[in-house]
Amino acid sequence: ESKKQEAFIKPANYEKSKTKKFKSDISKKENMYYNTDEDYYICASGKKMLLKGTKKKKTKSGYETTVSIYECEDCDGCEYKSKCTKAKGNKQIHVAKNFMRLRTNSLKNITTPKGILLRMNRSIQVEGAFGVIKQDYGFRRFFMRGNIKVRTEFLLMAFGYNVNKLYHKTIQNRNGELLHKQQAS
């Protein structure tokens, strides 16, 4: 964000979040109503889940994030408790607001026409390149050992792939095209 870059990467739960099972799961915070003004969630039984507190978490890579903890007012005698939580007490949800905001922005970006085009091209260009290198070139393993030698071997393979790709683009007179055009099916 600070570098004015937009994320066009599918969130990790993108495919799962489109399923009927995910959308009907009342325990997921994504399926609960959130009041932004007063900062609380409403669970399936209509009870408020108020902010209990926040805590800082640090990942293995050193990234620090703030997690907000919301807890339901009272889960005793709730008809949805067995579907909603496994906890003996009240239901709690942990929300990393910055992460949720970035995930929402990324989801908005990939569903725009530009995002759809970029996703389509990523699957064609990037994943296709590894497929060609592995299948067509027969490159399954590195023959050298050591970081510098392996890096050199991979760079030579990538250089050969790019020269081959440029050669075929030149023959087909497609030098100025960076993205594949979407074709009507």
N, C-alpha and C. Protein backbone atom coordinates (compact mmCIF):
# COMPACT_ATOMS: atom_id res chain seq x y z
N GLU A 1 0.81 -1.20 0.00
CA GLU A 1 0.00 0.00 0.00
C GLU A 1 0.85 1.25 0.00
N SER A 2 1.89 1.27 0.82
CA SER A 2 2.72 2.46 0.91
C SER A 2 3.44 2.73 -0.40
N LYS A 3 3.60 1.71 -1.23
CA LYS A 3 4.26 1.86 -2.52
C LYS A 3 3.26 2.03 -3.65
N LYS A 4 2.00 2.28 -3.30
CA LYS A 4 0.92 2.51 -4.28
C LYS A 4 0.76 1.33 -5.24
N GLN A 5 0.84 0.11 -4.70
CA GLN A 5 0.66 -1.09 -5.51
C GLN A 5 -0.69 -1.71 -5.18
N GLU A 6 -1.31 -2.29 -6.19
CA GLU A 6 -2.59 -2.97 -6.01
C GLU A 6 -2.36 -4.48 -6.00
N ALA A 7 -3.09 -5.18 -5.14
CA ALA A 7 -2.97 -6.64 -5.06
C ALA A 7 -4.00 -7.29 -5.96
N PHE A 8 -3.54 -8.13 -6.87
CA PHE A 8 -4.42 -8.89 -7.75
C PHE A 8 -4.19 -10.39 -7.54
N ILE A 9 -4.08 -10.78 -6.27
CA ILE A 9 -3.83 -12.17 -5.93
C ILE A 9 -5.04 -12.73 -5.21
N LYS A 10 -5.45 -13.93 -5.60
CA LYS A 10 -6.61 -14.55 -4.97
C LYS A 10 -6.33 -14.77 -3.49
N PRO A 11 -7.27 -14.40 -2.61
CA PRO A 11 -7.10 -14.72 -1.19
C PRO A 11 -7.04 -16.24 -1.02
N ALA A 12 -6.36 -16.69 0.02
CA ALA A 12 -6.17 -18.13 0.24
C ALA A 12 -7.49 -18.88 0.33
N ASN A 13 -8.52 -18.23 0.86
CA ASN A 13 -9.81 -18.91 1.02
C ASN A 13 -10.79 -18.61 -0.11
N TYR A 14 -10.31 -18.10 -1.23
CA TYR A 14 -11.19 -17.65 -2.32
C TYR A 14 -12.09 -18.77 -2.84
N GLU A 15 -11.51 -19.89 -3.20
CA GLU A 15 -12.30 -21.00 -3.76
C GLU A 15 -13.24 -21.57 -2.71
N LYS A 16 -12.74 -21.70 -1.49
CA LYS A 16 -13.54 -22.26 -0.40
C LYS A 16 -14.72 -21.34 -0.07
N SER A 17 -14.50 -20.02 -0.12
CA SER A 17 -15.55 -19.06 0.27
C SER A 17 -16.70 -19.03 -0.73
N LYS A 18 -16.52 -19.59 -1.92
CA LYS A 18 -17.59 -19.62 -2.91
C LYS A 18 -18.51 -20.83 -2.74
N THR A 19 -18.12 -21.77 -1.87
CA THR A 19 -18.92 -22.99 -1.72
C THR A 19 -20.15 -22.76 -0.84
N LYS A 20 -21.15 -23.58 -1.06
CA LYS A 20 -22.40 -23.49 -0.29
C LYS A 20 -22.13 -23.80 1.18
N LYS A 21 -21.25 -24.76 1.43
CA LYS A 21 -20.93 -25.15 2.80
C LYS A 21 -20.34 -23.97 3.58
N PHE A 22 -19.43 -23.23 2.96
CA PHE A 22 -18.80 -22.08 3.62
C PHE A 22 -19.83 -20.98 3.87
N LYS A 23 -20.64 -20.69 2.86
CA LYS A 23 -21.62 -19.61 2.97
C LYS A 23 -22.70 -19.89 4.01
N SER A 24 -22.97 -21.17 4.28
CA SER A 24 -24.01 -21.51 5.25
C SER A 24 -23.45 -21.81 6.64
N ASP A 25 -22.14 -21.72 6.81
CA ASP A 25 -21.50 -22.00 8.10
C ASP A 25 -21.65 -20.78 9.02
N ILE A 26 -22.50 -20.90 10.04
CA ILE A 26 -22.79 -19.76 10.92
C ILE A 26 -21.64 -19.42 11.86
N SER A 27 -20.64 -20.30 11.96
CA SER A 27 -19.51 -20.03 12.86
C SER A 27 -18.46 -19.11 12.24
N LYS A 28 -18.52 -18.89 10.95
CA LYS A 28 -17.52 -18.06 10.26
C LYS A 28 -17.82 -16.58 10.45
N LYS A 29 -16.78 -15.81 10.74
CA LYS A 29 -16.97 -14.36 10.92
C LYS A 29 -17.38 -13.68 9.62
N GLU A 30 -17.00 -14.28 8.49
CA GLU A 30 -17.38 -13.72 7.19
C GLU A 30 -18.89 -13.78 6.97
N ASN A 31 -19.58 -14.68 7.68
CA ASN A 31 -21.02 -14.83 7.52
C ASN A 31 -21.82 -14.12 8.62
N MET A 32 -21.13 -13.32 9.42
CA MET A 32 -21.80 -12.57 10.49
C MET A 32 -21.91 -11.11 10.09
N TYR A 33 -22.92 -10.45 10.62
CA TYR A 33 -23.08 -9.01 10.38
C TYR A 33 -22.08 -8.27 11.27
N TYR A 34 -21.40 -7.27 10.69
CA TYR A 34 -20.45 -6.46 11.45
C TYR A 34 -20.89 -5.00 11.43
N ASN A 35 -21.03 -4.40 12.59
CA ASN A 35 -21.38 -2.99 12.73
C ASN A 35 -20.09 -2.20 12.85
N THR A 36 -19.73 -1.46 11.80
CA THR A 36 -18.46 -0.74 11.79
C THR A 36 -18.48 0.46 12.73
N ASP A 37 -19.63 1.10 12.89
CA ASP A 37 -19.71 2.29 13.74
C ASP A 37 -19.46 1.96 15.21
N GLU A 38 -20.10 0.90 15.69
CA GLU A 38 -20.00 0.56 17.11
C GLU A 38 -19.06 -0.62 17.37
N ASP A 39 -18.45 -1.17 16.33
CA ASP A 39 -17.44 -2.22 16.42
C ASP A 39 -17.92 -3.47 17.17
N TYR A 40 -18.90 -4.15 16.59
CA TYR A 40 -19.35 -5.43 17.14
C TYR A 40 -19.90 -6.30 16.02
N TYR A 41 -19.91 -7.61 16.26
CA TYR A 41 -20.49 -8.59 15.34
C TYR A 41 -21.82 -9.05 15.91
N ILE A 42 -22.69 -9.58 15.05
CA ILE A 42 -23.93 -10.19 15.51
C ILE A 42 -23.92 -11.64 15.04
N CYS A 43 -24.11 -12.56 15.99
CA CYS A 43 -24.06 -13.99 15.67
C CYS A 43 -25.40 -14.45 15.10
N ALA A 44 -25.49 -15.74 14.77
CA ALA A 44 -26.68 -16.30 14.12
C ALA A 44 -27.94 -16.19 14.98
N SER A 45 -27.77 -16.18 16.31
CA SER A 45 -28.95 -16.08 17.18
C SER A 45 -29.32 -14.63 17.48
N GLY A 46 -28.61 -13.67 16.85
CA GLY A 46 -28.94 -12.26 17.01
C GLY A 46 -28.29 -11.59 18.20
N LYS A 47 -27.34 -12.27 18.85
CA LYS A 47 -26.67 -11.68 20.01
C LYS A 47 -25.42 -10.93 19.57
N LYS A 48 -25.10 -9.88 20.34
CA LYS A 48 -23.91 -9.08 20.02
C LYS A 48 -22.65 -9.80 20.47
N MET A 49 -21.62 -9.69 19.63
CA MET A 49 -20.29 -10.16 19.99
C MET A 49 -19.44 -8.92 20.16
N LEU A 50 -19.22 -8.54 21.41
CA LEU A 50 -18.54 -7.29 21.73
C LEU A 50 -17.03 -7.48 21.77
N LEU A 51 -16.32 -6.37 21.54
CA LEU A 51 -14.86 -6.38 21.57
C LEU A 51 -14.41 -6.63 23.01
N LYS A 52 -13.69 -7.72 23.21
CA LYS A 52 -13.20 -8.08 24.54
C LYS A 52 -11.82 -7.49 24.79
N GLY A 53 -11.02 -7.40 23.72
CA GLY A 53 -9.67 -6.87 23.85
C GLY A 53 -8.88 -7.09 22.57
N THR A 54 -7.64 -6.66 22.60
CA THR A 54 -6.75 -6.87 21.45
C THR A 54 -5.43 -7.46 21.95
N LYS A 55 -4.75 -8.14 21.06
CA LYS A 55 -3.42 -8.63 21.39
C LYS A 55 -2.55 -8.59 20.14
N LYS A 56 -1.26 -8.48 20.36
CA LYS A 56 -0.31 -8.44 19.26
C LYS A 56 0.25 -9.84 19.04
N LYS A 57 0.36 -10.21 17.78
CA LYS A 57 0.94 -11.50 17.41
C LYS A 57 2.11 -11.25 16.49
N LYS A 58 3.11 -12.10 16.60
CA LYS A 58 4.28 -11.98 15.74
C LYS A 58 4.48 -13.31 15.02
N THR A 59 4.58 -13.25 13.68
CA THR A 59 4.76 -14.47 12.91
C THR A 59 6.22 -14.91 12.95
N LYS A 60 6.49 -16.10 12.42
CA LYS A 60 7.86 -16.61 12.37
C LYS A 60 8.77 -15.69 11.55
N SER A 61 8.18 -15.05 10.54
CA SER A 61 8.97 -14.17 9.69
C SER A 61 9.22 -12.80 10.32
N GLY A 62 8.58 -12.55 11.48
CA GLY A 62 8.80 -11.28 12.17
C GLY A 62 7.72 -10.24 11.94
N TYR A 63 6.70 -10.57 11.15
CA TYR A 63 5.62 -9.62 10.88
C TYR A 63 4.71 -9.55 12.10
N GLU A 64 4.45 -8.32 12.55
CA GLU A 64 3.61 -8.12 13.73
C GLU A 64 2.22 -7.67 13.32
N THR A 65 1.21 -8.29 13.92
CA THR A 65 -0.17 -7.95 13.60
C THR A 65 -0.98 -7.80 14.88
N THR A 66 -2.01 -6.98 14.82
CA THR A 66 -2.90 -6.78 15.96
C THR A 66 -4.19 -7.55 15.71
N VAL A 67 -4.57 -8.37 16.68
CA VAL A 67 -5.77 -9.19 16.57
C VAL A 67 -6.80 -8.70 17.58
N SER A 68 -8.02 -8.44 17.10
CA SER A 68 -9.13 -8.04 17.97
C SER A 68 -9.90 -9.29 18.36
N ILE A 69 -10.25 -9.39 19.64
CA ILE A 69 -10.98 -10.56 20.14
C ILE A 69 -12.40 -10.13 20.50
N TYR A 70 -13.36 -10.79 19.85
CA TYR A 70 -14.78 -10.51 20.11
C TYR A 70 -15.38 -11.72 20.81
N GLU A 71 -16.24 -11.46 21.80
CA GLU A 71 -16.88 -12.55 22.53
C GLU A 71 -18.38 -12.30 22.61
N CYS A 72 -19.14 -13.38 22.47
CA CYS A 72 -20.59 -13.30 22.53
C CYS A 72 -21.03 -12.97 23.96
N GLU A 73 -22.15 -12.25 24.06
CA GLU A 73 -22.66 -11.85 25.37
C GLU A 73 -22.97 -13.06 26.24
N ASP A 74 -23.73 -14.01 25.68
CA ASP A 74 -24.14 -15.18 26.46
C ASP A 74 -24.55 -16.31 25.51
N CYS A 75 -23.83 -17.41 25.58
CA CYS A 75 -24.13 -18.55 24.71
C CYS A 75 -24.90 -19.66 25.44
N ASP A 76 -25.15 -19.49 26.74
CA ASP A 76 -25.88 -20.51 27.50
C ASP A 76 -27.29 -20.66 26.96
N GLY A 77 -27.67 -21.88 26.65
CA GLY A 77 -29.02 -22.15 26.16
C GLY A 77 -29.27 -21.75 24.72
N CYS A 78 -28.23 -21.39 23.99
CA CYS A 78 -28.40 -20.98 22.59
C CYS A 78 -28.66 -22.21 21.72
N GLU A 79 -29.65 -22.11 20.85
CA GLU A 79 -30.00 -23.24 19.98
C GLU A 79 -28.94 -23.52 18.91
N TYR A 80 -28.10 -22.52 18.60
CA TYR A 80 -27.09 -22.67 17.55
C TYR A 80 -25.70 -23.03 18.09
N LYS A 81 -25.56 -23.15 19.41
CA LYS A 81 -24.23 -23.31 20.01
C LYS A 81 -23.46 -24.50 19.44
N SER A 82 -24.13 -25.62 19.22
CA SER A 82 -23.43 -26.81 18.71
C SER A 82 -22.90 -26.60 17.29
N LYS A 83 -23.60 -25.79 16.49
CA LYS A 83 -23.15 -25.50 15.13
C LYS A 83 -22.15 -24.35 15.09
N CYS A 84 -22.19 -23.50 16.10
CA CYS A 84 -21.44 -22.26 16.10
C CYS A 84 -20.05 -22.37 16.74
N THR A 85 -19.94 -23.12 17.84
CA THR A 85 -18.66 -23.18 18.55
C THR A 85 -18.49 -24.51 19.27
N LYS A 86 -17.24 -24.88 19.51
CA LYS A 86 -16.92 -26.07 20.29
C LYS A 86 -16.52 -25.69 21.72
N ALA A 87 -16.43 -24.38 21.98
CA ALA A 87 -16.01 -23.89 23.29
C ALA A 87 -17.05 -24.20 24.36
N LYS A 88 -16.58 -24.41 25.58
CA LYS A 88 -17.50 -24.66 26.69
C LYS A 88 -18.17 -23.36 27.13
N GLY A 89 -17.43 -22.26 27.04
CA GLY A 89 -17.98 -20.96 27.43
C GLY A 89 -18.64 -20.27 26.24
N ASN A 90 -18.46 -18.97 26.18
CA ASN A 90 -19.03 -18.17 25.09
C ASN A 90 -18.16 -18.24 23.85
N LYS A 91 -18.77 -18.04 22.70
CA LYS A 91 -18.04 -18.06 21.43
C LYS A 91 -17.13 -16.84 21.32
N GLN A 92 -15.93 -17.07 20.84
CA GLN A 92 -14.98 -15.99 20.58
C GLN A 92 -14.55 -16.05 19.13
N ILE A 93 -14.32 -14.88 18.55
CA ILE A 93 -13.70 -14.84 17.22
C ILE A 93 -12.51 -13.89 17.29
N HIS A 94 -11.47 -14.24 16.57
CA HIS A 94 -10.25 -13.44 16.51
C HIS A 94 -10.18 -12.82 15.13
N VAL A 95 -10.06 -11.49 15.07
CA VAL A 95 -10.10 -10.78 13.80
C VAL A 95 -8.87 -9.89 13.66
N ALA A 96 -8.09 -10.12 12.61
CA ALA A 96 -6.99 -9.23 12.26
C ALA A 96 -7.56 -8.23 11.25
N LYS A 97 -7.91 -7.05 11.74
CA LYS A 97 -8.64 -6.09 10.90
C LYS A 97 -7.85 -5.65 9.68
N ASN A 98 -6.56 -5.42 9.85
CA ASN A 98 -5.74 -5.00 8.71
C ASN A 98 -5.71 -6.10 7.65
N PHE A 99 -5.55 -7.35 8.09
CA PHE A 99 -5.55 -8.49 7.17
C PHE A 99 -6.89 -8.61 6.44
N MET A 100 -7.98 -8.46 7.20
CA MET A 100 -9.32 -8.54 6.59
C MET A 100 -9.52 -7.43 5.56
N ARG A 101 -9.03 -6.24 5.87
CA ARG A 101 -9.16 -5.11 4.94
C ARG A 101 -8.38 -5.39 3.65
N LEU A 102 -7.14 -5.89 3.80
CA LEU A 102 -6.32 -6.20 2.62
C LEU A 102 -6.94 -7.33 1.80
N ARG A 103 -7.49 -8.34 2.49
CA ARG A 103 -8.14 -9.46 1.80
C ARG A 103 -9.36 -8.96 1.01
N THR A 104 -10.15 -8.07 1.61
CA THR A 104 -11.33 -7.53 0.94
C THR A 104 -10.92 -6.72 -0.28
N ASN A 105 -9.87 -5.90 -0.15
CA ASN A 105 -9.38 -5.12 -1.29
C ASN A 105 -8.91 -6.03 -2.42
N SER A 106 -8.18 -7.08 -2.06
CA SER A 106 -7.69 -8.03 -3.05
C SER A 106 -8.85 -8.72 -3.76
N LEU A 107 -9.87 -9.09 -2.99
CA LEU A 107 -11.05 -9.75 -3.57
C LEU A 107 -11.77 -8.81 -4.54
N LYS A 108 -11.88 -7.53 -4.17
CA LYS A 108 -12.50 -6.54 -5.07
C LYS A 108 -11.69 -6.43 -6.35
N ASN A 109 -10.37 -6.38 -6.21
CA ASN A 109 -9.49 -6.21 -7.38
C ASN A 109 -9.59 -7.38 -8.35
N ILE A 110 -9.61 -8.62 -7.84
CA ILE A 110 -9.60 -9.76 -8.76
C ILE A 110 -10.94 -10.00 -9.43
N THR A 111 -12.00 -9.36 -8.94
CA THR A 111 -13.31 -9.54 -9.58
C THR A 111 -13.63 -8.43 -10.58
N THR A 112 -12.72 -7.45 -10.73
CA THR A 112 -12.90 -6.42 -11.75
C THR A 112 -12.50 -7.00 -13.11
N PRO A 113 -12.91 -6.37 -14.22
CA PRO A 113 -12.48 -6.87 -15.54
C PRO A 113 -10.96 -6.95 -15.68
N LYS A 114 -10.25 -5.95 -15.14
CA LYS A 114 -8.78 -5.96 -15.20
C LYS A 114 -8.24 -7.15 -14.39
N GLY A 115 -8.82 -7.39 -13.22
CA GLY A 115 -8.38 -8.50 -12.37
C GLY A 115 -8.60 -9.85 -13.02
N ILE A 116 -9.73 -10.00 -13.68
CA ILE A 116 -10.03 -11.26 -14.38
C ILE A 116 -9.02 -11.50 -15.50
N LEU A 117 -8.69 -10.44 -16.24
CA LEU A 117 -7.71 -10.55 -17.32
C LEU A 117 -6.33 -10.92 -16.77
N LEU A 118 -5.93 -10.27 -15.67
CA LEU A 118 -4.62 -10.56 -15.09
C LEU A 118 -4.56 -11.98 -14.52
N ARG A 119 -5.64 -12.44 -13.89
CA ARG A 119 -5.67 -13.81 -13.37
C ARG A 119 -5.57 -14.83 -14.50
N MET A 120 -6.29 -14.56 -15.59
CA MET A 120 -6.26 -15.47 -16.73
C MET A 120 -4.84 -15.53 -17.30
N ASN A 121 -4.19 -14.37 -17.42
CA ASN A 121 -2.85 -14.34 -17.98
C ASN A 121 -1.82 -14.97 -17.06
N ARG A 122 -2.01 -14.84 -15.76
CA ARG A 122 -1.08 -15.47 -14.83
C ARG A 122 -1.12 -16.98 -15.01
N SER A 123 -2.33 -17.52 -15.12
CA SER A 123 -2.43 -18.97 -15.28
C SER A 123 -1.83 -19.42 -16.61
N ILE A 124 -1.96 -18.59 -17.64
CA ILE A 124 -1.41 -18.95 -18.95
C ILE A 124 0.10 -18.79 -18.97
N GLN A 125 0.59 -17.62 -18.51
CA GLN A 125 2.00 -17.30 -18.65
C GLN A 125 2.89 -17.94 -17.60
N VAL A 126 2.59 -17.72 -16.33
CA VAL A 126 3.49 -18.17 -15.27
C VAL A 126 3.43 -19.67 -15.09
N GLU A 127 2.24 -20.19 -14.85
CA GLU A 127 2.13 -21.62 -14.59
C GLU A 127 2.44 -22.42 -15.85
N GLY A 128 2.12 -21.87 -16.99
CA GLY A 128 2.45 -22.52 -18.26
C GLY A 128 3.95 -22.63 -18.48
N ALA A 129 4.68 -21.60 -18.04
CA ALA A 129 6.14 -21.60 -18.20
C ALA A 129 6.77 -22.77 -17.44
N PHE A 130 6.32 -22.99 -16.21
CA PHE A 130 6.87 -24.12 -15.45
C PHE A 130 6.49 -25.45 -16.09
N GLY A 131 5.30 -25.52 -16.65
CA GLY A 131 4.88 -26.73 -17.34
C GLY A 131 5.75 -27.03 -18.55
N VAL A 132 6.06 -26.00 -19.33
CA VAL A 132 6.92 -26.17 -20.52
C VAL A 132 8.32 -26.59 -20.10
N ILE A 133 8.85 -25.92 -19.09
CA ILE A 133 10.21 -26.24 -18.63
C ILE A 133 10.28 -27.69 -18.13
N LYS A 134 9.26 -28.11 -17.40
CA LYS A 134 9.28 -29.47 -16.86
C LYS A 134 8.98 -30.53 -17.92
N GLN A 135 7.90 -30.32 -18.69
CA GLN A 135 7.45 -31.34 -19.63
C GLN A 135 8.23 -31.31 -20.94
N ASP A 136 8.25 -30.15 -21.60
CA ASP A 136 8.86 -30.07 -22.92
C ASP A 136 10.39 -30.11 -22.87
N TYR A 137 10.97 -29.40 -21.88
CA TYR A 137 12.42 -29.36 -21.79
C TYR A 137 12.98 -30.51 -20.95
N GLY A 138 12.10 -31.24 -20.27
CA GLY A 138 12.54 -32.38 -19.46
C GLY A 138 13.35 -31.98 -18.24
N PHE A 139 13.17 -30.75 -17.76
CA PHE A 139 13.93 -30.26 -16.61
C PHE A 139 13.19 -30.61 -15.33
N ARG A 140 13.60 -31.67 -14.68
CA ARG A 140 12.92 -32.15 -13.47
C ARG A 140 13.73 -31.93 -12.20
N ARG A 141 15.05 -31.85 -12.36
CA ARG A 141 15.89 -31.67 -11.16
C ARG A 141 17.16 -30.92 -11.53
N PHE A 142 17.75 -30.32 -10.51
CA PHE A 142 19.01 -29.60 -10.72
C PHE A 142 20.17 -30.60 -10.65
N PHE A 143 21.14 -30.39 -11.53
CA PHE A 143 22.30 -31.28 -11.56
C PHE A 143 23.43 -30.78 -10.69
N MET A 144 23.43 -29.48 -10.42
CA MET A 144 24.48 -28.87 -9.61
C MET A 144 24.05 -28.84 -8.15
N ARG A 145 25.00 -28.62 -7.26
CA ARG A 145 24.73 -28.47 -5.83
C ARG A 145 25.30 -27.13 -5.37
N GLY A 146 24.63 -26.56 -4.38
CA GLY A 146 25.06 -25.26 -3.87
C GLY A 146 24.19 -24.15 -4.43
N ASN A 147 23.93 -23.15 -3.62
CA ASN A 147 23.02 -22.07 -4.01
C ASN A 147 23.44 -21.36 -5.29
N ILE A 148 24.69 -21.01 -5.40
CA ILE A 148 25.16 -20.24 -6.57
C ILE A 148 25.04 -21.07 -7.84
N LYS A 149 25.44 -22.33 -7.78
CA LYS A 149 25.39 -23.19 -8.96
C LYS A 149 23.95 -23.49 -9.37
N VAL A 150 23.08 -23.74 -8.39
CA VAL A 150 21.67 -24.02 -8.70
C VAL A 150 21.02 -22.77 -9.30
N ARG A 151 21.33 -21.62 -8.72
CA ARG A 151 20.78 -20.36 -9.26
C ARG A 151 21.25 -20.15 -10.70
N THR A 152 22.52 -20.40 -10.95
CA THR A 152 23.06 -20.24 -12.31
C THR A 152 22.37 -21.20 -13.28
N GLU A 153 22.19 -22.43 -12.85
CA GLU A 153 21.53 -23.43 -13.69
C GLU A 153 20.09 -23.01 -14.01
N PHE A 154 19.37 -22.51 -13.00
CA PHE A 154 17.99 -22.07 -13.21
C PHE A 154 17.94 -20.84 -14.12
N LEU A 155 18.86 -19.90 -13.93
CA LEU A 155 18.88 -18.70 -14.77
C LEU A 155 19.17 -19.06 -16.23
N LEU A 156 20.05 -20.02 -16.46
CA LEU A 156 20.32 -20.47 -17.83
C LEU A 156 19.07 -21.10 -18.45
N MET A 157 18.34 -21.89 -17.66
CA MET A 157 17.10 -22.50 -18.14
C MET A 157 16.07 -21.41 -18.46
N ALA A 158 15.93 -20.43 -17.57
CA ALA A 158 14.98 -19.34 -17.79
C ALA A 158 15.38 -18.50 -19.00
N PHE A 159 16.67 -18.26 -19.16
CA PHE A 159 17.16 -17.51 -20.31
C PHE A 159 16.83 -18.25 -21.60
N GLY A 160 17.07 -19.55 -21.63
CA GLY A 160 16.74 -20.36 -22.81
C GLY A 160 15.25 -20.34 -23.11
N TYR A 161 14.44 -20.43 -22.07
CA TYR A 161 12.98 -20.39 -22.24
C TYR A 161 12.55 -19.05 -22.83
N ASN A 162 13.10 -17.95 -22.29
CA ASN A 162 12.73 -16.61 -22.77
C ASN A 162 13.18 -16.36 -24.20
N VAL A 163 14.37 -16.84 -24.57
CA VAL A 163 14.85 -16.69 -25.95
C VAL A 163 13.94 -17.46 -26.90
N ASN A 164 13.57 -18.67 -26.51
CA ASN A 164 12.67 -19.49 -27.32
C ASN A 164 11.31 -18.80 -27.48
N LYS A 165 10.80 -18.24 -26.40
CA LYS A 165 9.51 -17.54 -26.43
C LYS A 165 9.58 -16.31 -27.33
N LEU A 166 10.68 -15.54 -27.20
CA LEU A 166 10.86 -14.35 -28.03
C LEU A 166 10.97 -14.73 -29.51
N TYR A 167 11.67 -15.81 -29.81
CA TYR A 167 11.81 -16.28 -31.18
C TYR A 167 10.44 -16.59 -31.78
N HIS A 168 9.60 -17.32 -31.04
CA HIS A 168 8.28 -17.68 -31.55
C HIS A 168 7.37 -16.46 -31.67
N LYS A 169 7.49 -15.50 -30.75
CA LYS A 169 6.69 -14.28 -30.85
C LYS A 169 7.11 -13.46 -32.08
N THR A 170 8.41 -13.43 -32.36
CA THR A 170 8.91 -12.68 -33.51
C THR A 170 8.42 -13.30 -34.81
N ILE A 171 8.45 -14.62 -34.90
CA ILE A 171 7.99 -15.31 -36.09
C ILE A 171 6.50 -15.06 -36.32
N GLN A 172 5.71 -15.03 -35.24
CA GLN A 172 4.26 -14.83 -35.35
C GLN A 172 3.88 -13.36 -35.34
N ASN A 173 4.88 -12.47 -35.31
CA ASN A 173 4.67 -11.02 -35.34
C ASN A 173 3.76 -10.55 -34.18
N ARG A 174 4.10 -11.02 -32.95
CA ARG A 174 3.34 -10.63 -31.76
C ARG A 174 4.26 -9.94 -30.74
N ASN A 175 5.20 -9.15 -31.19
CA ASN A 175 6.20 -8.56 -30.30
C ASN A 175 5.64 -7.56 -29.30
N GLY A 176 4.61 -6.80 -29.64
CA GLY A 176 4.11 -5.76 -28.76
C GLY A 176 3.08 -6.24 -27.75
N GLU A 177 2.64 -7.49 -27.82
CA GLU A 177 1.57 -7.98 -26.94
C GLU A 177 2.14 -8.52 -25.64
N LEU A 178 1.59 -8.03 -24.52
CA LEU A 178 2.02 -8.51 -23.22
C LEU A 178 0.99 -9.44 -22.59
N LEU A 179 -0.28 -9.21 -22.88
CA LEU A 179 -1.35 -10.01 -22.29
C LEU A 179 -2.10 -10.77 -23.36
N HIS A 180 -2.53 -11.97 -23.02
CA HIS A 180 -3.39 -12.73 -23.93
C HIS A 180 -4.77 -12.10 -23.92
N LYS A 181 -5.39 -12.03 -25.06
CA LYS A 181 -6.73 -11.47 -25.14
C LYS A 181 -7.75 -12.55 -24.83
N GLN A 182 -8.80 -12.14 -24.12
CA GLN A 182 -9.85 -13.09 -23.77
C GLN A 182 -10.66 -13.41 -25.02
N GLN A 183 -10.89 -14.70 -25.24
CA GLN A 183 -11.64 -15.12 -26.42
C GLN A 183 -13.03 -15.55 -26.00
N ALA A 184 -14.01 -15.23 -26.82
CA ALA A 184 -15.39 -15.66 -26.55
C ALA A 184 -15.49 -17.16 -26.77
N SER A 185 -16.16 -17.84 -25.85
CA SER A 185 -16.27 -19.29 -26.00
C SER A 185 -17.58 -19.71 -26.60
